N, C-alpha and C. Protein backbone atom coordinates (compact mmCIF):
# COMPACT_ATOMS: atom_id res chain seq x y z
N MET A 1 105.01 95.25 103.53
CA MET A 1 104.87 94.10 104.12
C MET A 1 103.77 93.20 103.56
N VAL A 2 102.77 93.97 102.86
CA VAL A 2 101.43 92.76 102.09
C VAL A 2 102.29 91.91 101.21
N PHE A 3 103.66 92.37 100.73
CA PHE A 3 104.01 91.17 99.89
C PHE A 3 104.69 90.17 100.61
N LEU A 4 104.84 90.34 101.81
CA LEU A 4 105.38 89.43 102.64
C LEU A 4 104.56 88.24 103.36
N VAL A 5 103.15 88.72 103.30
CA VAL A 5 101.84 87.83 103.57
C VAL A 5 101.99 86.63 103.35
N PRO A 6 102.00 86.07 102.14
CA PRO A 6 102.10 84.77 101.63
C PRO A 6 103.30 83.88 102.18
N LEU A 7 104.58 84.72 102.12
CA LEU A 7 105.88 83.88 102.77
C LEU A 7 105.41 83.76 104.45
N LEU A 8 104.92 84.55 105.19
CA LEU A 8 104.86 84.50 106.44
C LEU A 8 103.67 83.24 106.75
N CYS A 9 102.54 83.33 106.08
CA CYS A 9 101.59 82.19 105.96
C CYS A 9 102.18 80.79 105.92
N TRP A 10 103.37 80.85 104.65
CA TRP A 10 103.73 79.58 104.37
C TRP A 10 104.74 79.08 105.56
N LEU A 11 105.50 80.00 106.15
CA LEU A 11 106.31 79.61 107.16
C LEU A 11 105.23 78.95 108.54
N PHE A 12 104.43 79.24 108.79
CA PHE A 12 103.45 78.75 109.83
C PHE A 12 102.74 77.37 109.01
N ALA A 13 102.54 77.37 107.62
CA ALA A 13 101.78 75.97 107.13
C ALA A 13 102.83 75.00 107.11
N ALA A 14 104.12 75.18 106.75
CA ALA A 14 105.01 74.03 106.35
C ALA A 14 105.17 73.26 107.56
N ARG A 15 105.55 71.70 107.20
CA ARG A 15 105.64 70.98 108.30
C ARG A 15 107.09 70.53 108.50
N THR A 16 107.67 70.56 107.47
CA THR A 16 109.00 70.26 107.37
C THR A 16 110.04 71.19 106.96
N PRO A 17 111.37 71.23 107.68
CA PRO A 17 112.09 72.36 107.57
C PRO A 17 112.71 72.71 106.01
N ARG A 18 112.68 71.44 105.33
CA ARG A 18 113.19 71.44 103.93
C ARG A 18 112.30 72.29 103.01
N SER A 19 110.93 71.93 103.27
CA SER A 19 109.87 72.54 102.47
C SER A 19 109.69 74.10 102.82
N ARG A 20 109.81 74.16 104.24
CA ARG A 20 109.96 75.20 104.53
C ARG A 20 110.61 76.24 103.88
N ILE A 21 112.04 75.84 103.92
CA ILE A 21 113.06 76.57 103.25
C ILE A 21 112.85 76.97 101.72
N ARG A 22 112.85 75.78 101.26
CA ARG A 22 112.57 75.66 99.54
C ARG A 22 111.44 76.51 99.07
N VAL A 23 110.09 76.29 99.34
CA VAL A 23 109.22 76.98 98.88
C VAL A 23 109.25 78.65 99.68
N GLY A 24 109.84 78.79 100.89
CA GLY A 24 109.93 80.04 101.32
C GLY A 24 111.06 80.91 100.55
N ALA A 25 112.02 80.57 100.08
CA ALA A 25 113.01 81.17 99.35
C ALA A 25 112.30 81.53 98.08
N VAL A 26 111.33 80.83 97.21
CA VAL A 26 110.93 81.06 96.01
C VAL A 26 109.98 82.52 96.22
N LEU A 27 108.99 82.16 97.54
CA LEU A 27 108.02 83.07 97.83
C LEU A 27 108.68 84.44 98.14
N ALA A 28 109.84 84.35 98.67
CA ALA A 28 110.52 85.61 99.17
C ALA A 28 111.26 86.13 97.87
N VAL A 29 111.58 85.71 96.78
CA VAL A 29 111.92 86.31 95.70
C VAL A 29 111.02 86.68 94.87
N ILE A 30 109.89 86.15 94.79
CA ILE A 30 108.28 86.83 94.12
C ILE A 30 108.26 88.03 94.94
N ALA A 31 108.28 88.14 96.20
CA ALA A 31 107.79 89.24 96.84
C ALA A 31 108.82 90.50 96.49
N ALA A 32 109.96 90.26 96.46
CA ALA A 32 110.98 91.34 95.96
C ALA A 32 110.35 91.92 94.74
N ALA A 33 110.30 90.82 93.71
CA ALA A 33 110.10 91.17 92.65
C ALA A 33 108.78 92.07 92.34
N GLU A 34 107.70 91.82 92.97
CA GLU A 34 106.46 92.58 93.45
C GLU A 34 106.46 93.98 93.75
N TYR A 35 107.50 93.84 94.83
CA TYR A 35 107.92 95.23 95.23
C TYR A 35 108.50 96.18 94.43
N ALA A 36 109.45 95.50 93.81
CA ALA A 36 110.09 96.27 92.59
C ALA A 36 109.23 96.92 91.39
N VAL A 37 108.45 95.95 91.31
CA VAL A 37 107.24 96.23 89.96
C VAL A 37 106.47 97.76 90.31
N VAL A 38 105.65 97.26 91.67
CA VAL A 38 104.86 98.34 91.87
C VAL A 38 105.48 99.61 92.13
N PHE A 39 106.74 99.67 92.79
CA PHE A 39 107.57 100.96 92.88
C PHE A 39 107.91 101.49 91.62
N GLY A 40 108.11 100.88 90.51
CA GLY A 40 108.26 101.32 89.18
C GLY A 40 110.00 101.09 88.70
N TRP A 41 110.60 100.30 89.74
CA TRP A 41 111.99 100.18 89.73
C TRP A 41 112.36 99.19 88.37
N VAL A 42 111.44 98.17 87.87
CA VAL A 42 111.38 97.47 86.81
C VAL A 42 110.22 97.42 86.11
N LEU A 43 110.24 97.24 84.73
CA LEU A 43 109.05 96.97 83.97
C LEU A 43 107.98 98.14 84.09
N PRO A 44 108.49 99.39 84.15
CA PRO A 44 107.35 100.42 84.42
C PRO A 44 106.37 100.51 83.39
N ALA A 45 106.51 99.98 82.05
CA ALA A 45 105.73 100.20 81.36
C ALA A 45 104.83 98.89 81.29
N GLY A 46 104.76 98.09 81.95
CA GLY A 46 104.15 96.86 82.05
C GLY A 46 103.74 96.68 83.56
N THR A 47 103.20 97.58 84.36
CA THR A 47 103.22 97.18 85.71
C THR A 47 102.19 96.03 86.11
N ILE A 48 100.86 96.51 85.54
CA ILE A 48 99.81 95.45 85.77
C ILE A 48 100.10 94.04 85.09
N THR A 49 100.35 94.15 83.91
CA THR A 49 100.80 92.95 83.35
C THR A 49 101.51 91.95 84.29
N ALA A 50 102.98 92.59 84.66
CA ALA A 50 103.75 92.05 85.63
C ALA A 50 103.18 91.35 86.93
N MET A 51 102.33 92.53 87.51
CA MET A 51 101.49 92.24 88.69
C MET A 51 100.91 90.77 88.41
N VAL A 52 99.93 90.77 87.61
CA VAL A 52 99.12 89.54 87.24
C VAL A 52 99.99 88.39 87.25
N VAL A 53 101.18 88.39 86.30
CA VAL A 53 101.97 87.29 86.30
C VAL A 53 102.62 86.70 87.74
N LEU A 54 103.02 87.75 88.55
CA LEU A 54 103.67 87.36 89.64
C LEU A 54 102.44 86.98 90.71
N VAL A 55 101.24 87.63 90.67
CA VAL A 55 100.36 86.91 91.57
C VAL A 55 99.83 85.42 91.18
N VAL A 56 99.94 85.18 89.83
CA VAL A 56 99.63 83.83 89.38
C VAL A 56 100.49 82.94 89.88
N LEU A 57 101.96 83.26 89.71
CA LEU A 57 103.00 82.49 89.88
C LEU A 57 103.12 82.51 91.65
N ASN A 58 102.89 83.56 92.28
CA ASN A 58 102.91 83.35 93.74
C ASN A 58 101.79 82.20 94.52
N THR A 59 100.57 82.30 93.69
CA THR A 59 99.71 81.27 94.14
C THR A 59 99.84 79.79 93.57
N ALA A 60 100.64 79.70 92.37
CA ALA A 60 101.05 78.25 91.82
C ALA A 60 102.20 77.79 92.52
N VAL A 61 103.22 78.63 93.29
CA VAL A 61 104.03 78.44 94.14
C VAL A 61 103.71 77.84 95.57
N ALA A 62 102.62 78.46 96.19
CA ALA A 62 101.95 78.17 97.17
C ALA A 62 101.34 77.00 97.13
N VAL A 63 100.52 76.49 96.20
CA VAL A 63 99.90 75.41 96.04
C VAL A 63 100.71 74.10 95.93
N TRP A 64 101.98 74.64 95.22
CA TRP A 64 102.90 73.60 94.75
C TRP A 64 103.48 73.16 96.17
N GLY A 65 103.74 73.97 97.20
CA GLY A 65 104.29 73.94 98.38
C GLY A 65 103.41 73.00 99.29
N LEU A 66 102.20 73.53 99.20
CA LEU A 66 100.84 72.59 99.97
C LEU A 66 101.09 71.16 99.69
N VAL A 67 101.31 70.92 98.19
CA VAL A 67 101.18 69.70 97.68
C VAL A 67 102.30 68.66 98.01
N SER A 68 103.57 69.43 97.67
CA SER A 68 104.82 69.01 98.44
C SER A 68 105.24 68.70 99.72
N ASP A 69 104.62 69.32 100.62
CA ASP A 69 104.91 69.18 101.82
C ASP A 69 104.32 68.08 102.53
N ARG A 70 104.71 66.76 102.11
CA ARG A 70 104.40 65.66 102.84
C ARG A 70 105.38 65.03 103.39
N SER A 71 104.96 64.45 104.78
CA SER A 71 105.98 63.51 105.55
C SER A 71 105.32 62.81 106.21
N ASP A 72 105.69 61.43 106.03
CA ASP A 72 104.93 60.48 106.97
C ASP A 72 105.18 60.51 108.51
N ASP A 73 106.28 61.23 108.82
CA ASP A 73 106.38 61.21 110.34
C ASP A 73 106.29 62.79 110.88
N ALA A 74 105.64 63.62 110.12
CA ALA A 74 105.45 64.90 110.51
C ALA A 74 103.69 65.16 110.71
N ASP A 75 103.41 65.23 111.99
CA ASP A 75 101.95 65.51 112.06
C ASP A 75 101.54 66.88 111.95
N PHE A 76 100.44 67.10 111.55
CA PHE A 76 99.81 68.62 111.56
C PHE A 76 99.62 69.06 112.87
N SER A 77 100.21 70.14 113.22
CA SER A 77 100.03 71.22 114.39
C SER A 77 98.67 71.90 114.09
N MET A 78 98.32 72.64 115.26
CA MET A 78 97.30 73.45 114.81
C MET A 78 97.75 74.61 114.00
N LEU A 79 99.22 75.22 114.50
CA LEU A 79 99.78 76.07 113.71
C LEU A 79 99.82 76.06 112.19
N ASN A 80 100.27 74.88 111.56
CA ASN A 80 100.24 74.33 110.54
C ASN A 80 99.17 74.41 109.89
N ARG A 81 97.92 73.81 110.74
CA ARG A 81 96.42 74.06 110.00
C ARG A 81 96.02 75.62 109.68
N ALA A 82 96.47 76.30 110.87
CA ALA A 82 96.09 77.61 110.75
C ALA A 82 96.68 78.32 109.37
N GLY A 83 97.87 77.78 109.15
CA GLY A 83 98.98 78.22 108.23
C GLY A 83 98.51 78.19 106.84
N ARG A 84 98.11 76.83 106.75
CA ARG A 84 97.51 76.65 105.48
C ARG A 84 96.26 76.94 105.11
N ALA A 85 95.21 77.26 106.30
CA ALA A 85 94.06 78.11 105.64
C ALA A 85 94.34 79.40 105.51
N LEU A 86 95.55 79.98 105.85
CA LEU A 86 95.72 81.36 105.61
C LEU A 86 96.32 81.18 104.30
N VAL A 87 97.21 80.47 104.03
CA VAL A 87 97.64 80.35 102.37
C VAL A 87 96.63 80.23 101.47
N VAL A 88 95.70 79.38 101.79
CA VAL A 88 94.49 78.99 100.74
C VAL A 88 93.66 80.32 100.67
N GLY A 89 93.46 80.88 101.93
CA GLY A 89 92.57 82.27 101.78
C GLY A 89 93.42 83.33 100.98
N TYR A 90 94.47 83.54 101.51
CA TYR A 90 95.51 84.57 100.45
C TYR A 90 95.67 84.26 99.03
N CYS A 91 95.73 82.99 98.68
CA CYS A 91 95.51 82.52 97.19
C CYS A 91 94.40 83.12 96.45
N VAL A 92 93.06 82.76 97.20
CA VAL A 92 92.10 83.09 96.64
C VAL A 92 91.42 84.38 96.48
N VAL A 93 92.04 85.33 97.87
CA VAL A 93 91.64 86.83 97.55
C VAL A 93 92.65 87.51 96.88
N SER A 94 93.82 87.08 96.51
CA SER A 94 94.88 87.78 95.52
C SER A 94 94.22 87.37 94.06
N LEU A 95 93.99 86.32 93.98
CA LEU A 95 93.29 85.94 92.65
C LEU A 95 92.04 86.91 92.16
N LEU A 96 91.35 86.71 93.13
CA LEU A 96 89.76 87.58 92.80
C LEU A 96 90.31 88.59 92.86
N GLY A 97 91.00 89.54 93.68
CA GLY A 97 91.29 91.00 93.76
C GLY A 97 92.14 91.35 92.31
N THR A 98 93.02 90.34 92.15
CA THR A 98 93.73 90.65 90.80
C THR A 98 92.61 90.96 89.49
N ALA A 99 91.64 89.81 89.54
CA ALA A 99 91.02 89.72 88.15
C ALA A 99 90.04 91.00 88.46
N ALA A 100 89.40 91.41 89.37
CA ALA A 100 88.74 92.69 89.65
C ALA A 100 89.36 93.93 89.22
N LEU A 101 90.86 93.86 89.54
CA LEU A 101 91.34 95.27 89.02
C LEU A 101 91.60 95.12 87.40
N VAL A 102 92.04 93.65 87.02
CA VAL A 102 92.14 94.04 85.59
C VAL A 102 90.49 94.22 84.94
N GLY A 103 89.48 94.01 85.58
CA GLY A 103 88.18 94.29 85.01
C GLY A 103 87.90 95.53 85.07
N VAL A 104 88.25 96.30 86.28
CA VAL A 104 88.11 97.78 86.11
C VAL A 104 89.15 98.67 85.26
N MET A 105 90.17 97.93 85.20
CA MET A 105 91.31 98.84 84.39
C MET A 105 90.81 98.50 82.91
N LYS A 106 90.08 97.60 82.56
CA LYS A 106 89.70 96.84 81.34
C LYS A 106 90.84 96.63 80.19
N GLY A 107 92.03 96.10 81.17
CA GLY A 107 93.09 95.77 80.48
C GLY A 107 93.84 96.86 80.13
N GLN A 108 93.78 98.08 80.27
CA GLN A 108 94.41 99.43 79.74
C GLN A 108 94.85 100.14 80.82
N ARG A 109 96.04 101.01 80.71
CA ARG A 109 96.34 101.47 81.66
C ARG A 109 97.30 103.01 80.98
N ALA A 110 96.87 104.12 81.29
CA ALA A 110 97.43 105.06 80.56
C ALA A 110 98.39 105.75 81.67
N SER A 111 99.48 106.01 81.16
CA SER A 111 100.58 106.93 81.95
C SER A 111 101.32 107.98 81.20
N VAL A 112 102.07 108.94 81.85
CA VAL A 112 102.58 110.13 80.88
C VAL A 112 103.75 109.33 80.27
N PRO A 113 103.68 109.69 78.61
CA PRO A 113 104.58 108.91 77.97
C PRO A 113 106.04 109.62 78.35
N PRO A 114 106.75 108.58 78.28
CA PRO A 114 108.19 109.01 78.61
C PRO A 114 108.99 110.03 77.70
N SER A 115 110.03 110.77 78.23
CA SER A 115 110.84 111.67 77.24
C SER A 115 111.41 110.63 76.10
N GLU A 116 111.57 109.53 76.22
CA GLU A 116 112.39 108.86 75.40
C GLU A 116 111.20 108.50 73.98
N ALA A 117 110.03 108.81 74.05
CA ALA A 117 109.14 108.79 73.11
C ALA A 117 109.49 109.76 71.92
N LEU A 118 110.47 110.81 72.20
CA LEU A 118 111.12 111.52 71.01
C LEU A 118 112.17 111.65 71.18
N LEU A 119 113.14 111.79 72.25
CA LEU A 119 114.54 111.92 72.45
C LEU A 119 115.38 110.49 72.26
N PRO A 120 116.48 110.81 71.89
CA PRO A 120 117.24 111.75 71.54
C PRO A 120 117.18 112.53 70.25
N LEU A 121 117.04 113.65 70.05
CA LEU A 121 116.98 114.22 68.99
C LEU A 121 118.23 114.30 67.88
N PRO A 122 117.88 114.41 66.61
CA PRO A 122 119.12 114.56 65.55
C PRO A 122 119.82 115.64 65.95
N ASP A 123 121.04 115.83 65.21
CA ASP A 123 121.72 117.25 65.18
C ASP A 123 121.13 117.96 64.55
N GLY A 124 121.31 119.21 65.19
CA GLY A 124 120.62 120.46 64.55
C GLY A 124 119.40 120.85 65.32
N LEU A 125 118.83 120.21 66.22
CA LEU A 125 117.56 120.36 66.78
C LEU A 125 117.84 120.34 68.28
N VAL A 126 117.18 121.32 69.07
CA VAL A 126 117.25 121.32 70.59
C VAL A 126 116.21 121.54 71.15
N VAL A 127 115.91 120.89 72.47
CA VAL A 127 114.79 120.81 73.38
C VAL A 127 114.58 122.19 74.01
N LEU A 128 113.38 122.86 73.68
CA LEU A 128 113.32 124.37 74.44
C LEU A 128 112.52 123.90 75.62
N ALA A 129 111.54 123.12 75.63
CA ALA A 129 110.87 122.67 76.60
C ALA A 129 110.27 121.14 76.58
N ASN A 130 110.19 120.53 77.86
CA ASN A 130 109.86 119.14 78.04
C ASN A 130 108.83 119.01 79.18
N GLY A 131 107.72 119.21 79.27
CA GLY A 131 106.66 119.10 80.20
C GLY A 131 105.83 117.92 80.29
N ASP A 132 105.97 117.24 81.72
CA ASP A 132 104.89 116.18 82.01
C ASP A 132 103.56 116.90 82.56
N ARG A 133 102.54 116.84 81.75
CA ARG A 133 101.34 117.71 82.01
C ARG A 133 100.64 116.71 82.90
N GLY A 134 100.77 115.49 83.20
CA GLY A 134 100.08 114.69 84.28
C GLY A 134 98.99 114.09 83.38
N CYS A 135 98.11 113.32 84.27
CA CYS A 135 96.85 112.83 83.68
C CYS A 135 95.86 113.58 84.26
N GLY A 136 94.86 113.23 83.46
CA GLY A 136 93.28 113.54 83.70
C GLY A 136 92.11 113.00 82.87
N GLY A 137 90.98 113.41 83.23
CA GLY A 137 89.83 112.70 82.37
C GLY A 137 88.58 112.14 83.28
N ASN A 138 87.45 111.79 82.49
CA ASN A 138 86.56 111.23 83.42
C ASN A 138 86.20 109.95 83.18
N SER A 139 85.55 109.78 82.22
CA SER A 139 84.99 108.25 81.68
C SER A 139 86.30 107.51 81.11
N SER A 140 87.32 108.31 80.83
CA SER A 140 88.96 107.95 80.29
C SER A 140 89.82 108.66 80.93
N THR A 141 90.96 107.81 80.84
CA THR A 141 92.22 108.70 81.48
C THR A 141 93.12 109.01 80.31
N ILE A 142 93.52 110.52 80.52
CA ILE A 142 94.22 111.03 79.34
C ILE A 142 95.65 111.31 79.88
N CYS A 143 96.85 111.05 79.37
CA CYS A 143 98.15 111.70 80.20
C CYS A 143 98.73 112.18 78.67
N LEU A 144 99.45 113.18 79.24
CA LEU A 144 99.96 113.90 78.07
C LEU A 144 101.67 114.50 78.71
N ARG A 145 102.48 114.56 77.76
CA ARG A 145 104.09 115.29 77.52
C ARG A 145 103.82 116.03 76.51
N ALA A 146 104.39 117.29 76.69
CA ALA A 146 104.68 118.08 75.61
C ALA A 146 105.87 118.70 75.43
N PHE A 147 106.41 118.68 74.28
CA PHE A 147 107.92 119.28 73.93
C PHE A 147 107.75 120.82 73.18
N GLU A 148 108.61 121.24 73.38
CA GLU A 148 108.88 122.56 72.43
C GLU A 148 110.19 122.28 71.91
N ILE A 149 110.39 122.10 70.58
CA ILE A 149 111.44 121.86 70.05
C ILE A 149 112.21 123.17 69.08
N GLY A 150 113.47 123.52 68.93
CA GLY A 150 113.87 124.55 68.29
C GLY A 150 115.15 124.01 67.51
N THR A 151 115.52 125.13 66.69
CA THR A 151 116.85 124.96 66.00
C THR A 151 118.20 125.25 66.64
N ALA A 152 119.21 124.36 66.72
CA ALA A 152 120.57 124.47 67.11
C ALA A 152 121.25 125.71 66.54
N GLY A 153 121.05 126.00 65.52
CA GLY A 153 121.65 126.98 64.48
C GLY A 153 121.84 126.17 63.29
N ALA A 154 122.08 124.85 62.99
CA ALA A 154 122.41 124.46 61.69
C ALA A 154 121.24 124.05 60.83
N VAL A 155 119.88 123.94 61.42
CA VAL A 155 118.85 123.78 60.85
C VAL A 155 118.09 125.12 60.59
N PRO A 156 117.71 125.64 59.35
CA PRO A 156 116.69 126.80 59.63
C PRO A 156 115.36 126.60 60.02
N ALA A 157 114.85 127.66 60.87
CA ALA A 157 113.92 127.52 61.75
C ALA A 157 112.80 127.00 61.03
N GLU A 158 112.74 127.37 59.65
CA GLU A 158 111.11 127.27 59.01
C GLU A 158 111.31 125.48 58.77
N GLU A 159 112.49 124.86 58.87
CA GLU A 159 112.60 123.43 58.48
C GLU A 159 112.73 122.47 59.68
N VAL A 160 112.27 122.93 60.89
CA VAL A 160 112.49 122.39 62.19
C VAL A 160 111.22 121.36 62.15
N SER A 161 110.11 121.79 61.91
CA SER A 161 109.05 120.89 61.95
C SER A 161 109.39 119.63 60.96
N ASP A 162 109.79 119.87 59.63
CA ASP A 162 110.00 118.71 58.73
C ASP A 162 110.86 117.68 59.38
N HIS A 163 112.07 118.41 60.07
CA HIS A 163 113.07 117.40 60.77
C HIS A 163 112.42 116.57 61.85
N VAL A 164 111.57 117.26 62.70
CA VAL A 164 111.07 116.33 63.75
C VAL A 164 109.91 115.18 63.34
N ARG A 165 109.56 115.65 61.93
CA ARG A 165 108.44 114.41 61.59
C ARG A 165 109.35 113.69 60.87
N ARG A 166 110.51 113.88 60.31
CA ARG A 166 111.32 112.67 59.86
C ARG A 166 112.17 112.01 61.11
N HIS A 167 111.96 112.64 61.82
CA HIS A 167 112.64 111.87 63.46
C HIS A 167 111.76 110.83 63.51
N LEU A 168 110.45 111.22 63.95
CA LEU A 168 109.26 110.61 64.29
C LEU A 168 109.08 109.29 63.30
N GLU A 169 109.50 109.69 62.10
CA GLU A 169 108.92 108.36 61.24
C GLU A 169 110.24 107.43 60.99
N THR A 170 111.28 107.70 61.19
CA THR A 170 112.44 106.92 60.86
C THR A 170 113.01 106.40 62.19
N ALA A 171 113.10 107.26 63.11
CA ALA A 171 113.54 106.69 64.58
C ALA A 171 112.29 106.10 65.32
N HIS A 172 111.18 106.30 65.39
CA HIS A 172 110.33 105.98 66.09
C HIS A 172 108.88 105.33 65.36
N ALA A 173 109.11 104.94 64.28
CA ALA A 173 108.16 104.13 63.43
C ALA A 173 106.91 104.75 63.48
N TRP A 174 106.74 106.14 63.50
CA TRP A 174 105.51 106.71 63.33
C TRP A 174 104.95 107.01 61.89
N SER A 175 103.70 106.73 61.51
CA SER A 175 102.82 107.09 60.34
C SER A 175 102.35 108.40 60.82
N LEU A 176 102.64 109.52 60.14
CA LEU A 176 101.99 110.99 60.40
C LEU A 176 100.89 111.25 59.00
N TYR A 177 99.62 111.86 59.61
CA TYR A 177 99.03 112.22 58.51
C TYR A 177 98.71 113.98 58.84
N ARG A 178 98.67 114.43 57.68
CA ARG A 178 98.26 116.11 57.74
C ARG A 178 96.75 116.38 57.84
N SER A 179 96.39 117.32 58.78
CA SER A 179 95.13 117.58 58.76
C SER A 179 94.93 118.86 57.83
N ARG A 180 93.77 119.15 57.97
CA ARG A 180 93.18 120.62 57.28
C ARG A 180 94.10 121.75 57.73
N ALA A 181 94.17 121.45 59.28
CA ALA A 181 94.85 122.74 59.33
C ALA A 181 96.12 122.85 59.32
N GLY A 182 96.72 121.92 58.62
CA GLY A 182 98.22 122.08 58.42
C GLY A 182 99.08 121.31 59.49
N ASP A 183 98.79 120.94 60.42
CA ASP A 183 99.36 120.10 61.62
C ASP A 183 99.09 118.48 61.32
N TRP A 184 100.04 117.79 61.99
CA TRP A 184 100.43 116.51 61.68
C TRP A 184 100.50 115.60 62.95
N SER A 185 99.45 114.39 62.67
CA SER A 185 99.41 113.67 63.89
C SER A 185 99.24 111.95 63.50
N GLY A 186 99.24 111.12 64.57
CA GLY A 186 99.30 109.84 64.41
C GLY A 186 98.82 109.00 65.47
N CYS A 187 98.34 108.00 65.26
CA CYS A 187 97.97 107.32 66.55
C CYS A 187 98.10 105.74 66.48
N ARG A 188 98.60 105.05 67.64
CA ARG A 188 98.68 103.52 67.33
C ARG A 188 98.33 103.06 68.75
N ASP A 189 98.12 101.80 69.18
CA ASP A 189 97.86 100.94 70.07
C ASP A 189 99.38 100.48 70.74
N GLU A 190 99.95 100.72 71.94
CA GLU A 190 101.14 100.22 72.57
C GLU A 190 100.84 99.50 74.09
N GLY A 191 101.98 99.01 74.39
CA GLY A 191 101.61 98.47 75.91
C GLY A 191 101.74 97.06 76.16
N TRP A 192 101.86 96.43 77.19
CA TRP A 192 101.55 95.02 77.45
C TRP A 192 100.33 94.47 77.43
N ILE A 193 99.99 93.19 77.70
CA ILE A 193 98.69 92.51 77.59
C ILE A 193 97.64 93.58 78.36
N PHE A 194 97.84 93.68 79.74
CA PHE A 194 97.03 94.31 80.92
C PHE A 194 97.56 95.65 80.57
N ASP A 195 98.16 96.29 80.09
CA ASP A 195 98.47 97.72 80.18
C ASP A 195 98.40 98.40 78.65
N ARG A 196 97.56 98.15 77.89
CA ARG A 196 97.47 98.52 76.39
C ARG A 196 96.89 99.87 76.64
N ASN A 197 97.22 101.07 75.95
CA ASN A 197 96.75 102.25 75.88
C ASN A 197 96.99 102.85 74.35
N SER A 198 96.34 103.71 74.09
CA SER A 198 96.19 104.38 72.77
C SER A 198 97.21 105.63 72.81
N LEU A 199 98.27 105.35 72.05
CA LEU A 199 99.28 106.66 72.03
C LEU A 199 99.04 107.66 70.49
N CYS A 200 99.13 108.76 70.77
CA CYS A 200 98.97 109.63 69.86
C CYS A 200 99.87 110.82 69.80
N VAL A 201 100.50 110.87 68.81
CA VAL A 201 101.37 112.16 68.66
C VAL A 201 101.09 113.12 67.77
N SER A 202 101.25 114.51 68.05
CA SER A 202 100.83 115.38 67.29
C SER A 202 101.97 116.59 67.22
N VAL A 203 102.28 117.04 66.07
CA VAL A 203 103.30 118.17 65.62
C VAL A 203 102.48 119.38 65.11
N PHE A 204 102.91 120.35 65.73
CA PHE A 204 102.31 121.75 65.40
C PHE A 204 103.31 122.51 65.32
N ASP A 205 103.40 123.42 63.91
CA ASP A 205 104.47 124.20 63.79
C ASP A 205 104.02 125.72 64.18
N ARG A 206 105.09 126.38 65.17
CA ARG A 206 104.72 127.54 65.43
C ARG A 206 105.82 128.57 65.30
N PRO A 207 105.55 129.86 65.03
CA PRO A 207 106.62 130.76 64.93
C PRO A 207 107.54 130.54 65.77
N GLY A 208 108.85 130.09 65.34
CA GLY A 208 110.21 129.98 66.08
C GLY A 208 110.20 128.87 66.93
N ARG A 209 109.33 127.89 66.81
CA ARG A 209 109.42 126.60 67.55
C ARG A 209 108.38 125.69 66.85
N THR A 210 108.74 124.36 67.27
CA THR A 210 107.46 123.40 66.99
C THR A 210 107.07 122.51 68.10
N LEU A 211 105.78 122.43 68.17
CA LEU A 211 105.26 121.80 69.57
C LEU A 211 104.99 120.36 69.14
N VAL A 212 105.47 119.55 70.08
CA VAL A 212 105.27 117.79 69.81
C VAL A 212 104.25 117.36 71.05
N TRP A 213 103.28 117.03 70.72
CA TRP A 213 102.52 116.40 72.02
C TRP A 213 102.44 115.04 72.06
N PHE A 214 102.65 114.11 73.15
CA PHE A 214 102.49 112.88 73.00
C PHE A 214 101.11 112.71 74.30
N GLU A 215 100.20 111.89 73.57
CA GLU A 215 98.93 111.60 74.43
C GLU A 215 98.46 110.41 74.66
N SER A 216 98.80 109.54 76.00
CA SER A 216 98.47 108.37 76.16
C SER A 216 96.89 108.39 76.83
N ALA A 217 96.02 107.49 76.31
CA ALA A 217 94.60 107.19 76.58
C ALA A 217 94.43 105.66 76.83
N ALA A 218 93.50 105.76 77.94
CA ALA A 218 92.75 104.50 78.21
C ALA A 218 91.44 104.65 78.71
N ASP A 219 90.50 103.88 78.24
CA ASP A 219 89.33 103.83 78.54
C ASP A 219 88.81 103.20 80.14
N ASN A 220 89.31 104.22 81.25
CA ASN A 220 88.90 104.03 82.53
C ASN A 220 89.29 105.13 83.18
């Protein structure tokens, strides 16, 4: 219902049926888009960025409606005045609330990396485990997804790690560096404007399997 607040306020504020329907239809579409974004139906990787854009668009449409709703033969009723005050109040509160959210999040948002960060695997490799390890942290948020990769028979067990690294480099454009311990890792920044995060991948060669960890981190 919160997404319908600007629409309901506008229905009270509009003086003419034409502007009530025209602006109301646009606000209804924006409300549906906000609902879909918040619940992750669309643009799950850019939730905050998309919501900032939709809130600004909502405000712009509401202001446009107030300015365009002019008619010489239509008077302001008490309901119109109350509706307009609510529209203005909603615009101010939503803009300030969105700015505060972006400030708290510092323009970053960590989430558990999707399975598509590694999958699908090339022929000869098979997923032994694919775990969503969730998110945690104190001063920063860290989210983890862990894979266990094995051979499907065509690739020798001792070559699985090499095939996984080659797959990450060619299919997902990773640049991996070897540590002194013999493991491989790499990091890069990803995400939309207000959904940026640091994404790291690590490849560990273990007896009979290869571990691949994807770690998303944000400073909030």
